Amino acid sequence: MKTRLDLMKAFLSDIEDLKHKNEVAKAILTKLREIIYETDNVLTDCILRDEYKKHCVAFGLIPSRSLLFSTRLATNLRHISTRMESIEKSLGSFLRASDSLEAPFCKG
């Protein structure tokens, strides 16, 4: 998940200038930005939860609601993964269409 997030962030920075030229690129960038923020939030929640658990153990406390957190996390990760796959397909289609439009102009 982290690798996919990093790749999406890199892609976002690479094509930021396209959003002014193409409505499809704008729509994809918006969805990409949303999923990056959502994924980053889930990863932050996991880090915070891990820190919370460490402190609870250090003080002899039992972390509560672990099952609820795990269930919500699994649901969020499935949802994010599905959305990432959809965005990746859209990007692939967009890039193939862009290449086919540019191909006639690139021929000598």
C-alpha atoms as a PDB file:
ATOM      1  CA  MET A   1       0.000   0.000   0.000  1.00  0.00           C
ATOM      2  CA  LYS A   2       2.825   2.398   0.889  1.00  0.00           C
ATOM      3  CA  THR A   3       4.591   1.709  -2.411  1.00  0.00           C
ATOM      4  CA  ARG A   4       1.420   2.343  -4.396  1.00  0.00           C
ATOM      5  CA  LEU A   5       0.871   5.564  -2.435  1.00  0.00           C
ATOM      6  CA  ASP A   6       4.425   6.738  -3.172  1.00  0.00           C
ATOM      7  CA  LEU A   7       4.046   5.938  -6.875  1.00  0.00           C
ATOM      8  CA  MET A   8       0.760   7.815  -7.029  1.00  0.00           C
ATOM      9  CA  LYS A   9       2.322  10.834  -5.308  1.00  0.00           C
ATOM     10  CA  ALA A  10       5.197  10.790  -7.805  1.00  0.00           C
ATOM     11  CA  PHE A  11       2.800  10.510 -10.726  1.00  0.00           C
ATOM     12  CA  LEU A  12       0.713  13.365  -9.336  1.00  0.00           C
ATOM     13  CA  SER A  13       3.716  15.666  -9.186  1.00  0.00           C
ATOM     14  CA  ASP A  14       4.828  14.648 -12.713  1.00  0.00           C
ATOM     15  CA  ILE A  15       1.531  15.472 -14.417  1.00  0.00           C
ATOM     16  CA  GLU A  16       0.392  18.436 -12.336  1.00  0.00           C
ATOM     17  CA  ASP A  17       0.808  20.763 -15.332  1.00  0.00           C
ATOM     18  CA  LEU A  18      -1.529  18.624 -17.468  1.00  0.00           C
ATOM     19  CA  LYS A  19      -4.572  19.587 -15.431  1.00  0.00           C
ATOM     20  CA  HIS A  20      -4.748  22.942 -17.187  1.00  0.00           C
ATOM     21  CA  LYS A  21      -4.706  21.313 -20.610  1.00  0.00           C
ATOM     22  CA  ASN A  22      -7.083  18.420 -20.300  1.00  0.00           C
ATOM     23  CA  GLU A  23     -10.396  17.860 -18.514  1.00  0.00           C
ATOM     24  CA  VAL A  24      -9.817  14.102 -18.247  1.00  0.00           C
ATOM     25  CA  ALA A  25      -6.457  14.713 -16.597  1.00  0.00           C
ATOM     26  CA  LYS A  26      -8.158  17.136 -14.195  1.00  0.00           C
ATOM     27  CA  ALA A  27     -10.727  14.544 -13.155  1.00  0.00           C
ATOM     28  CA  ILE A  28      -8.103  11.836 -12.704  1.00  0.00           C
ATOM     29  CA  LEU A  29      -5.875  14.185 -10.705  1.00  0.00           C
ATOM     30  CA  THR A  30      -8.751  15.055  -8.392  1.00  0.00           C
ATOM     31  CA  LYS A  31      -9.503  11.393  -7.717  1.00  0.00           C
ATOM     32  CA  LEU A  32      -5.818  10.639  -7.325  1.00  0.00           C
ATOM     33  CA  ARG A  33      -5.374  13.453  -4.812  1.00  0.00           C
ATOM     34  CA  GLU A  34      -8.394  12.220  -2.803  1.00  0.00           C
ATOM     35  CA  ILE A  35      -7.129   8.643  -2.625  1.00  0.00           C
ATOM     36  CA  ILE A  36      -3.638   9.802  -1.655  1.00  0.00           C
ATOM     37  CA  TYR A  37      -5.042  11.813   1.264  1.00  0.00           C
ATOM     38  CA  GLU A  38      -7.336   8.983   2.326  1.00  0.00           C
ATOM     39  CA  THR A  39      -4.527   6.418   2.176  1.00  0.00           C
ATOM     40  CA  ASP A  40      -2.185   8.714   4.059  1.00  0.00           C
ATOM     41  CA  ASN A  41      -4.836   9.149   6.767  1.00  0.00           C
ATOM     42  CA  VAL A  42      -5.271   5.382   7.149  1.00  0.00           C
ATOM     43  CA  LEU A  43      -1.509   4.867   7.389  1.00  0.00           C
ATOM     44  CA  THR A  44      -1.302   7.654  10.000  1.00  0.00           C
ATOM     45  CA  ASP A  45      -4.122   6.007  11.976  1.00  0.00           C
ATOM     46  CA  CYS A  46      -2.160   2.746  11.965  1.00  0.00           C
ATOM     47  CA  ILE A  47       0.986   4.469  13.207  1.00  0.00           C
ATOM     48  CA  LEU A  48      -0.951   6.264  15.948  1.00  0.00           C
ATOM     49  CA  ARG A  49      -2.711   3.043  16.952  1.00  0.00           C
ATOM     50  CA  ASP A  50       0.629   1.264  17.176  1.00  0.00           C
ATOM     51  CA  GLU A  51       2.044   4.027  19.392  1.00  0.00           C
ATOM     52  CA  TYR A  52      -1.077   3.892  21.570  1.00  0.00           C
ATOM     53  CA  LYS A  53      -0.685   0.127  21.984  1.00  0.00           C
ATOM     54  CA  LYS A  54       2.986   0.515  22.933  1.00  0.00           C
ATOM     55  CA  HIS A  55       2.092   3.041  25.647  1.00  0.00           C
ATOM     56  CA  CYS A  56      -0.708   0.855  26.971  1.00  0.00           C
ATOM     57  CA  VAL A  57       1.613  -2.126  27.276  1.00  0.00           C
ATOM     58  CA  ALA A  58       4.299   0.011  28.930  1.00  0.00           C
ATOM     59  CA  PHE A  59       1.802   1.104  31.598  1.00  0.00           C
ATOM     60  CA  GLY A  60       0.209  -2.327  31.997  1.00  0.00           C
ATOM     61  CA  LEU A  61      -3.061  -1.314  30.338  1.00  0.00           C
ATOM     62  CA  ILE A  62      -5.056  -3.376  27.863  1.00  0.00           C
ATOM     63  CA  PRO A  63      -5.774  -1.587  24.582  1.00  0.00           C
ATOM     64  CA  SER A  64      -9.510  -1.502  23.989  1.00  0.00           C
ATOM     65  CA  ARG A  65     -11.449  -1.898  20.769  1.00  0.00           C
ATOM     66  CA  SER A  66      -8.669  -3.714  18.899  1.00  0.00           C
ATOM     67  CA  LEU A  67     -11.187  -5.845  17.016  1.00  0.00           C
ATOM     68  CA  LEU A  68     -13.246  -2.807  16.018  1.00  0.00           C
ATOM     69  CA  PHE A  69     -10.131  -0.979  14.815  1.00  0.00           C
ATOM     70  CA  SER A  70      -8.962  -4.025  12.839  1.00  0.00           C
ATOM     71  CA  THR A  71     -12.375  -4.459  11.218  1.00  0.00           C
ATOM     72  CA  ARG A  72     -12.589  -0.797  10.222  1.00  0.00           C
ATOM     73  CA  LEU A  73      -9.012  -0.876   8.970  1.00  0.00           C
ATOM     74  CA  ALA A  74      -9.683  -3.920   6.794  1.00  0.00           C
ATOM     75  CA  THR A  75     -12.815  -2.299   5.359  1.00  0.00           C
ATOM     76  CA  ASN A  76     -10.967   0.967   4.657  1.00  0.00           C
ATOM     77  CA  LEU A  77      -8.043  -0.839   3.033  1.00  0.00           C
ATOM     78  CA  ARG A  78     -10.343  -2.881   0.760  1.00  0.00           C
ATOM     79  CA  HIS A  79     -12.183   0.295  -0.235  1.00  0.00           C
ATOM     80  CA  ILE A  80      -8.932   2.159  -0.917  1.00  0.00           C
ATOM     81  CA  SER A  81      -7.477  -0.754  -2.874  1.00  0.00           C
ATOM     82  CA  THR A  82     -10.586  -0.962  -5.063  1.00  0.00           C
ATOM     83  CA  ARG A  83     -10.465   2.782  -5.720  1.00  0.00           C
ATOM     84  CA  MET A  84      -6.722   2.640  -6.480  1.00  0.00           C
ATOM     85  CA  GLU A  85      -7.312  -0.134  -9.027  1.00  0.00           C
ATOM     86  CA  SER A  86     -10.034   1.944 -10.667  1.00  0.00           C
ATOM     87  CA  ILE A  87      -7.780   5.004 -10.836  1.00  0.00           C
ATOM     88  CA  GLU A  88      -4.906   2.922 -12.210  1.00  0.00           C
ATOM     89  CA  LYS A  89      -7.194   1.600 -14.976  1.00  0.00           C
ATOM     90  CA  SER A  90      -8.360   5.135 -15.766  1.00  0.00           C
ATOM     91  CA  LEU A  91      -4.758   6.339 -15.892  1.00  0.00           C
ATOM     92  CA  GLY A  92      -3.803   3.485 -18.188  1.00  0.00           C
ATOM     93  CA  SER A  93      -6.675   4.270 -20.540  1.00  0.00           C
ATOM     94  CA  PHE A  94      -5.879   7.978 -20.456  1.00  0.00           C
ATOM     95  CA  LEU A  95      -2.174   7.451 -21.148  1.00  0.00           C
ATOM     96  CA  ARG A  96      -2.874   4.989 -24.002  1.00  0.00           C
ATOM     97  CA  ALA A  97      -5.315   7.491 -25.533  1.00  0.00           C
ATOM     98  CA  SER A  98      -2.777  10.306 -25.152  1.00  0.00           C
ATOM     99  CA  ASP A  99      -0.072   8.211 -26.813  1.00  0.00           C
ATOM    100  CA  SER A 100      -2.336   7.321 -29.735  1.00  0.00           C
ATOM    101  CA  LEU A 101      -3.257  10.979 -30.246  1.00  0.00           C
ATOM    102  CA  GLU A 102       0.389  12.055 -30.231  1.00  0.00           C
ATOM    103  CA  ALA A 103       1.651   9.199 -32.434  1.00  0.00           C
ATOM    104  CA  PRO A 104       0.622  10.712 -35.822  1.00  0.00           C
ATOM    105  CA  PHE A 105       2.416  13.958 -34.971  1.00  0.00           C
ATOM    106  CA  CYS A 106       5.598  12.165 -33.921  1.00  0.00           C
ATOM    107  CA  LYS A 107       6.078  10.377 -37.250  1.00  0.00           C
ATOM    108  CA  GLY A 108       8.665  11.933 -39.521  1.00  0.00           C
END
